[in-house]
């Protein structure tokens, strides 16, 4: 057992490869922990993590569903995601008022070649105004028409309609028009 702040601790520094993370995450920091581990997903064989059911639904969501969003895109870009099973609140003491879901993430080759930071920027802009067409929601990134044309994405599409690979194309187009700092 190691005492420390999970948000600043580097799990890869604790043991040699191969590594797996198995954790019941504190729900209030589950997403920041996941994003940090995804940035270095190649350090792990798998991540088996317990999330609040609603977060697990976001991780496993498909396009055109209400749960599909930024977290879906970034997670599915780098890993195969599978919900294993639900765990009722009654399984814990004291029982939380939510259902939990155990999720397994297995790293794989990215679904598209792009930089993490660029994908984060594109998904933040696209899902920041979820119901707007991309030509409007991506204006915060610059010339949205040029960005969409360079990525081969229809300007009238909405964020929840795009596949992960299309977001990667947008991230590459963004990098080509306004190179950002490397990850």
C-alpha atoms as a PDB file:
ATOM      1  CA  UNK A   1       0.000   0.000   0.000  1.00  0.00           C
ATOM      2  CA  UNK A   2       1.286   3.416  -0.952  1.00  0.00           C
ATOM      3  CA  UNK A   3      -0.053   6.566   0.630  1.00  0.00           C
ATOM      4  CA  UNK A   4      -0.307   9.503  -1.727  1.00  0.00           C
ATOM      5  CA  UNK A   5      -2.410  11.665  -3.975  1.00  0.00           C
ATOM      6  CA  UNK A   6      -3.746   9.513  -6.806  1.00  0.00           C
ATOM      7  CA  UNK A   7      -3.800  12.532  -9.105  1.00  0.00           C
ATOM      8  CA  UNK A   8      -0.045  13.096  -8.759  1.00  0.00           C
ATOM      9  CA  UNK A   9       1.145   9.515  -8.318  1.00  0.00           C
ATOM     10  CA  UNK A  10       2.709   7.821 -11.369  1.00  0.00           C
ATOM     11  CA  UNK A  11       1.545   4.169 -11.287  1.00  0.00           C
ATOM     12  CA  UNK A  12       4.029   3.201 -14.011  1.00  0.00           C
ATOM     13  CA  UNK A  13       6.899   4.202 -11.725  1.00  0.00           C
ATOM     14  CA  UNK A  14       5.769   1.747  -9.041  1.00  0.00           C
ATOM     15  CA  UNK A  15       6.390  -1.544 -10.854  1.00  0.00           C
ATOM     16  CA  UNK A  16       8.118  -2.824 -13.960  1.00  0.00           C
ATOM     17  CA  UNK A  17       6.151  -3.810 -17.059  1.00  0.00           C
ATOM     18  CA  UNK A  18       3.870  -5.575 -17.655  1.00  0.00           C
ATOM     19  CA  UNK A  19       1.445  -3.429 -15.640  1.00  0.00           C
ATOM     20  CA  UNK A  20      -2.295  -3.505 -15.028  1.00  0.00           C
ATOM     21  CA  UNK A  21      -4.360  -1.088 -13.027  1.00  0.00           C
ATOM     22  CA  UNK A  22      -7.323  -2.480 -11.105  1.00  0.00           C
ATOM     23  CA  UNK A  23      -9.094   0.170  -9.071  1.00  0.00           C
ATOM     24  CA  UNK A  24     -12.300   1.263  -7.406  1.00  0.00           C
ATOM     25  CA  UNK A  25     -11.920   4.936  -8.220  1.00  0.00           C
ATOM     26  CA  UNK A  26     -13.164   7.809  -6.096  1.00  0.00           C
ATOM     27  CA  UNK A  27     -15.988   9.029  -8.325  1.00  0.00           C
ATOM     28  CA  UNK A  28     -15.101  12.707  -7.901  1.00  0.00           C
ATOM     29  CA  UNK A  29     -11.662  12.194  -9.526  1.00  0.00           C
ATOM     30  CA  UNK A  30     -12.351   9.200 -11.777  1.00  0.00           C
ATOM     31  CA  UNK A  31     -12.344  11.167 -15.039  1.00  0.00           C
ATOM     32  CA  UNK A  32      -9.107  13.125 -14.376  1.00  0.00           C
ATOM     33  CA  UNK A  33      -7.391   9.881 -13.344  1.00  0.00           C
ATOM     34  CA  UNK A  34      -8.585   8.115 -16.476  1.00  0.00           C
ATOM     35  CA  UNK A  35      -7.419  10.950 -18.744  1.00  0.00           C
ATOM     36  CA  UNK A  36      -3.991  10.932 -17.082  1.00  0.00           C
ATOM     37  CA  UNK A  37      -3.671   7.170 -17.559  1.00  0.00           C
ATOM     38  CA  UNK A  38      -4.877   7.413 -21.167  1.00  0.00           C
ATOM     39  CA  UNK A  39      -2.079   9.883 -21.898  1.00  0.00           C
ATOM     40  CA  UNK A  40       0.316   7.014 -21.112  1.00  0.00           C
ATOM     41  CA  UNK A  41      -1.886   4.065 -22.064  1.00  0.00           C
ATOM     42  CA  UNK A  42       1.085   2.266 -23.625  1.00  0.00           C
ATOM     43  CA  UNK A  43       2.504   1.785 -20.124  1.00  0.00           C
ATOM     44  CA  UNK A  44      -0.317  -0.626 -19.245  1.00  0.00           C
ATOM     45  CA  UNK A  45      -1.652  -3.979 -20.397  1.00  0.00           C
ATOM     46  CA  UNK A  46      -5.116  -3.079 -19.183  1.00  0.00           C
ATOM     47  CA  UNK A  47      -7.108  -0.858 -16.876  1.00  0.00           C
ATOM     48  CA  UNK A  48      -9.978  -2.453 -14.958  1.00  0.00           C
ATOM     49  CA  UNK A  49     -11.786   0.378 -13.249  1.00  0.00           C
ATOM     50  CA  UNK A  50     -15.001   0.923 -11.341  1.00  0.00           C
ATOM     51  CA  UNK A  51     -16.981   3.992 -12.365  1.00  0.00           C
ATOM     52  CA  UNK A  52     -20.368   5.412 -11.584  1.00  0.00           C
ATOM     53  CA  UNK A  53     -22.677   3.733 -14.125  1.00  0.00           C
ATOM     54  CA  UNK A  54     -23.329   6.991 -15.988  1.00  0.00           C
ATOM     55  CA  UNK A  55     -19.594   7.472 -16.612  1.00  0.00           C
ATOM     56  CA  UNK A  56     -19.248   3.866 -17.788  1.00  0.00           C
ATOM     57  CA  UNK A  57     -22.081   4.503 -20.242  1.00  0.00           C
ATOM     58  CA  UNK A  58     -20.157   7.478 -21.619  1.00  0.00           C
ATOM     59  CA  UNK A  59     -17.030   5.355 -22.064  1.00  0.00           C
ATOM     60  CA  UNK A  60     -18.857   2.679 -24.047  1.00  0.00           C
ATOM     61  CA  UNK A  61     -21.284   4.937 -25.965  1.00  0.00           C
ATOM     62  CA  UNK A  62     -21.843   4.753 -29.704  1.00  0.00           C
ATOM     63  CA  UNK A  63     -22.301   7.715 -32.055  1.00  0.00           C
ATOM     64  CA  UNK A  64     -25.771   9.279 -32.120  1.00  0.00           C
ATOM     65  CA  UNK A  65     -26.467   8.332 -28.502  1.00  0.00           C
ATOM     66  CA  UNK A  66     -26.997  10.829 -25.687  1.00  0.00           C
ATOM     67  CA  UNK A  67     -23.976   9.473 -23.767  1.00  0.00           C
ATOM     68  CA  UNK A  68     -21.544   9.927 -26.679  1.00  0.00           C
ATOM     69  CA  UNK A  69     -19.110  12.756 -25.964  1.00  0.00           C
ATOM     70  CA  UNK A  70     -15.564  13.941 -25.324  1.00  0.00           C
ATOM     71  CA  UNK A  71     -14.740  11.176 -22.863  1.00  0.00           C
ATOM     72  CA  UNK A  72     -16.060   8.565 -25.301  1.00  0.00           C
ATOM     73  CA  UNK A  73     -13.900   9.848 -28.153  1.00  0.00           C
ATOM     74  CA  UNK A  74     -10.649  10.099 -26.203  1.00  0.00           C
ATOM     75  CA  UNK A  75     -11.112   6.722 -24.507  1.00  0.00           C
ATOM     76  CA  UNK A  76     -12.185   4.780 -27.585  1.00  0.00           C
ATOM     77  CA  UNK A  77      -9.416   6.418 -29.630  1.00  0.00           C
ATOM     78  CA  UNK A  78      -6.785   4.586 -27.568  1.00  0.00           C
ATOM     79  CA  UNK A  79      -8.473   1.551 -26.033  1.00  0.00           C
ATOM     80  CA  UNK A  80     -11.043  -1.146 -26.510  1.00  0.00           C
ATOM     81  CA  UNK A  81     -13.644  -0.459 -23.848  1.00  0.00           C
ATOM     82  CA  UNK A  82     -15.952  -3.073 -22.371  1.00  0.00           C
ATOM     83  CA  UNK A  83     -18.459  -2.776 -19.534  1.00  0.00           C
ATOM     84  CA  UNK A  84     -18.088  -5.973 -17.507  1.00  0.00           C
ATOM     85  CA  UNK A  85     -20.951  -5.782 -15.004  1.00  0.00           C
ATOM     86  CA  UNK A  86     -22.957  -3.476 -12.758  1.00  0.00           C
ATOM     87  CA  UNK A  87     -22.578  -3.389  -8.991  1.00  0.00           C
ATOM     88  CA  UNK A  88     -25.526  -2.153  -6.925  1.00  0.00           C
ATOM     89  CA  UNK A  89     -25.037   0.369  -4.162  1.00  0.00           C
ATOM     90  CA  UNK A  90     -26.086  -2.292  -1.653  1.00  0.00           C
ATOM     91  CA  UNK A  91     -22.740  -4.061  -2.257  1.00  0.00           C
ATOM     92  CA  UNK A  92     -20.933  -1.275  -0.339  1.00  0.00           C
ATOM     93  CA  UNK A  93     -20.920  -0.037   3.245  1.00  0.00           C
ATOM     94  CA  UNK A  94     -22.198   2.593   3.513  1.00  0.00           C
ATOM     95  CA  UNK A  95     -24.230   2.087   0.318  1.00  0.00           C
ATOM     96  CA  UNK A  96     -23.943   4.907  -2.229  1.00  0.00           C
ATOM     97  CA  UNK A  97     -27.101   6.082  -3.964  1.00  0.00           C
ATOM     98  CA  UNK A  98     -25.680   5.127  -7.363  1.00  0.00           C
ATOM     99  CA  UNK A  99     -24.985   1.969  -9.317  1.00  0.00           C
ATOM    100  CA  UNK A 100     -21.383   1.282 -10.259  1.00  0.00           C
ATOM    101  CA  UNK A 101     -20.040  -0.465 -13.347  1.00  0.00           C
ATOM    102  CA  UNK A 102     -16.756  -2.325 -13.714  1.00  0.00           C
ATOM    103  CA  UNK A 103     -15.111  -1.395 -17.018  1.00  0.00           C
ATOM    104  CA  UNK A 104     -12.094  -2.902 -18.750  1.00  0.00           C
ATOM    105  CA  UNK A 105      -9.918  -0.848 -21.084  1.00  0.00           C
ATOM    106  CA  UNK A 106      -7.334  -2.631 -23.194  1.00  0.00           C
ATOM    107  CA  UNK A 107      -4.832  -0.469 -25.099  1.00  0.00           C
ATOM    108  CA  UNK A 108      -4.678  -0.846 -28.855  1.00  0.00           C
ATOM    109  CA  UNK A 109      -3.345   1.084 -31.822  1.00  0.00           C
ATOM    110  CA  UNK A 110      -5.052   4.494 -31.972  1.00  0.00           C
ATOM    111  CA  UNK A 111      -8.073   4.697 -34.303  1.00  0.00           C
ATOM    112  CA  UNK A 112      -6.446   7.668 -35.992  1.00  0.00           C
ATOM    113  CA  UNK A 113      -3.110   9.427 -36.025  1.00  0.00           C
ATOM    114  CA  UNK A 114      -3.305  12.692 -34.092  1.00  0.00           C
ATOM    115  CA  UNK A 115      -1.960  14.392 -31.006  1.00  0.00           C
ATOM    116  CA  UNK A 116      -3.758  14.041 -27.673  1.00  0.00           C
ATOM    117  CA  UNK A 117      -3.853  17.821 -27.101  1.00  0.00           C
ATOM    118  CA  UNK A 118      -5.330  18.491 -30.556  1.00  0.00           C
ATOM    119  CA  UNK A 119      -8.015  15.837 -30.063  1.00  0.00           C
ATOM    120  CA  UNK A 120      -8.874  17.362 -26.686  1.00  0.00           C
ATOM    121  CA  UNK A 121      -9.239  20.827 -28.258  1.00  0.00           C
ATOM    122  CA  UNK A 122     -11.428  19.582 -31.098  1.00  0.00           C
ATOM    123  CA  UNK A 123     -13.706  17.515 -28.865  1.00  0.00           C
ATOM    124  CA  UNK A 124     -13.993  20.353 -26.326  1.00  0.00           C
ATOM    125  CA  UNK A 125     -15.122  22.755 -29.047  1.00  0.00           C
ATOM    126  CA  UNK A 126     -17.398  20.259 -30.784  1.00  0.00           C
ATOM    127  CA  UNK A 127     -19.183  19.026 -27.672  1.00  0.00           C
ATOM    128  CA  UNK A 128     -19.128  22.406 -25.907  1.00  0.00           C
ATOM    129  CA  UNK A 129     -22.103  23.310 -28.081  1.00  0.00           C
ATOM    130  CA  UNK A 130     -23.384  19.801 -28.613  1.00  0.00           C
ATOM    131  CA  UNK A 131     -26.586  20.549 -30.526  1.00  0.00           C
ATOM    132  CA  UNK A 132     -25.006  23.043 -32.913  1.00  0.00           C
ATOM    133  CA  UNK A 133     -23.691  22.091 -36.311  1.00  0.00           C
ATOM    134  CA  UNK A 134     -19.923  21.692 -36.397  1.00  0.00           C
ATOM    135  CA  UNK A 135     -19.493  24.725 -38.655  1.00  0.00           C
ATOM    136  CA  UNK A 136     -20.711  26.797 -35.670  1.00  0.00           C
ATOM    137  CA  UNK A 137     -19.279  24.867 -32.728  1.00  0.00           C
ATOM    138  CA  UNK A 138     -15.754  24.694 -34.205  1.00  0.00           C
ATOM    139  CA  UNK A 139     -15.507  28.457 -34.844  1.00  0.00           C
ATOM    140  CA  UNK A 140     -13.693  28.799 -31.533  1.00  0.00           C
ATOM    141  CA  UNK A 141     -10.771  26.981 -33.200  1.00  0.00           C
ATOM    142  CA  UNK A 142     -10.505  29.395 -36.137  1.00  0.00           C
ATOM    143  CA  UNK A 143     -11.799  29.004 -39.683  1.00  0.00           C
ATOM    144  CA  UNK A 144     -14.258  26.160 -39.115  1.00  0.00           C
ATOM    145  CA  UNK A 145     -15.117  25.836 -42.821  1.00  0.00           C
ATOM    146  CA  UNK A 146     -11.461  25.275 -43.733  1.00  0.00           C
ATOM    147  CA  UNK A 147     -10.962  22.908 -40.821  1.00  0.00           C
ATOM    148  CA  UNK A 148     -13.995  20.811 -41.772  1.00  0.00           C
ATOM    149  CA  UNK A 149     -13.028  20.790 -45.458  1.00  0.00           C
ATOM    150  CA  UNK A 150      -9.469  19.700 -44.650  1.00  0.00           C
ATOM    151  CA  UNK A 151     -10.830  16.841 -42.514  1.00  0.00           C
ATOM    152  CA  UNK A 152     -13.467  15.849 -45.058  1.00  0.00           C
ATOM    153  CA  UNK A 153     -16.278  16.357 -42.537  1.00  0.00           C
ATOM    154  CA  UNK A 154     -19.693  17.701 -43.497  1.00  0.00           C
ATOM    155  CA  UNK A 155     -20.154  21.207 -42.014  1.00  0.00           C
ATOM    156  CA  UNK A 156     -23.780  20.515 -41.108  1.00  0.00           C
ATOM    157  CA  UNK A 157     -22.910  17.444 -39.020  1.00  0.00           C
ATOM    158  CA  UNK A 158     -23.251  17.563 -35.250  1.00  0.00           C
ATOM    159  CA  UNK A 159     -20.582  16.321 -32.843  1.00  0.00           C
ATOM    160  CA  UNK A 160     -22.520  13.243 -31.738  1.00  0.00           C
ATOM    161  CA  UNK A 161     -22.735  12.036 -35.357  1.00  0.00           C
ATOM    162  CA  UNK A 162     -18.993  11.680 -35.979  1.00  0.00           C
ATOM    163  CA  UNK A 163     -16.943   8.529 -35.512  1.00  0.00           C
ATOM    164  CA  UNK A 164     -13.678   8.615 -33.554  1.00  0.00           C
ATOM    165  CA  UNK A 165     -11.611   8.529 -36.774  1.00  0.00           C
ATOM    166  CA  UNK A 166     -13.399  11.666 -38.012  1.00  0.00           C
ATOM    167  CA  UNK A 167     -12.468  13.506 -34.824  1.00  0.00           C
ATOM    168  CA  UNK A 168      -8.869  12.402 -35.407  1.00  0.00           C
ATOM    169  CA  UNK A 169      -9.054  13.874 -38.931  1.00  0.00           C
ATOM    170  CA  UNK A 170     -10.290  17.153 -37.417  1.00  0.00           C
ATOM    171  CA  UNK A 171      -7.445  17.080 -34.877  1.00  0.00           C
ATOM    172  CA  UNK A 172      -4.892  16.569 -37.674  1.00  0.00           C
ATOM    173  CA  UNK A 173      -6.450  19.415 -39.645  1.00  0.00           C
ATOM    174  CA  UNK A 174      -6.275  21.626 -36.558  1.00  0.00           C
ATOM    175  CA  UNK A 175      -2.596  20.760 -36.058  1.00  0.00           C
ATOM    176  CA  UNK A 176      -1.879  21.622 -39.686  1.00  0.00           C
ATOM    177  CA  UNK A 177      -3.518  25.046 -39.396  1.00  0.00           C
ATOM    178  CA  UNK A 178      -2.390  26.010 -35.895  1.00  0.00           C
ATOM    179  CA  UNK A 179       0.379  23.757 -34.573  1.00  0.00           C
ATOM    180  CA  UNK A 180       0.109  23.379 -30.808  1.00  0.00           C
ATOM    181  CA  UNK A 181       2.710  22.369 -28.273  1.00  0.00           C
ATOM    182  CA  UNK A 182       3.546  18.685 -28.350  1.00  0.00           C
ATOM    183  CA  UNK A 183       2.156  16.403 -25.638  1.00  0.00           C
END
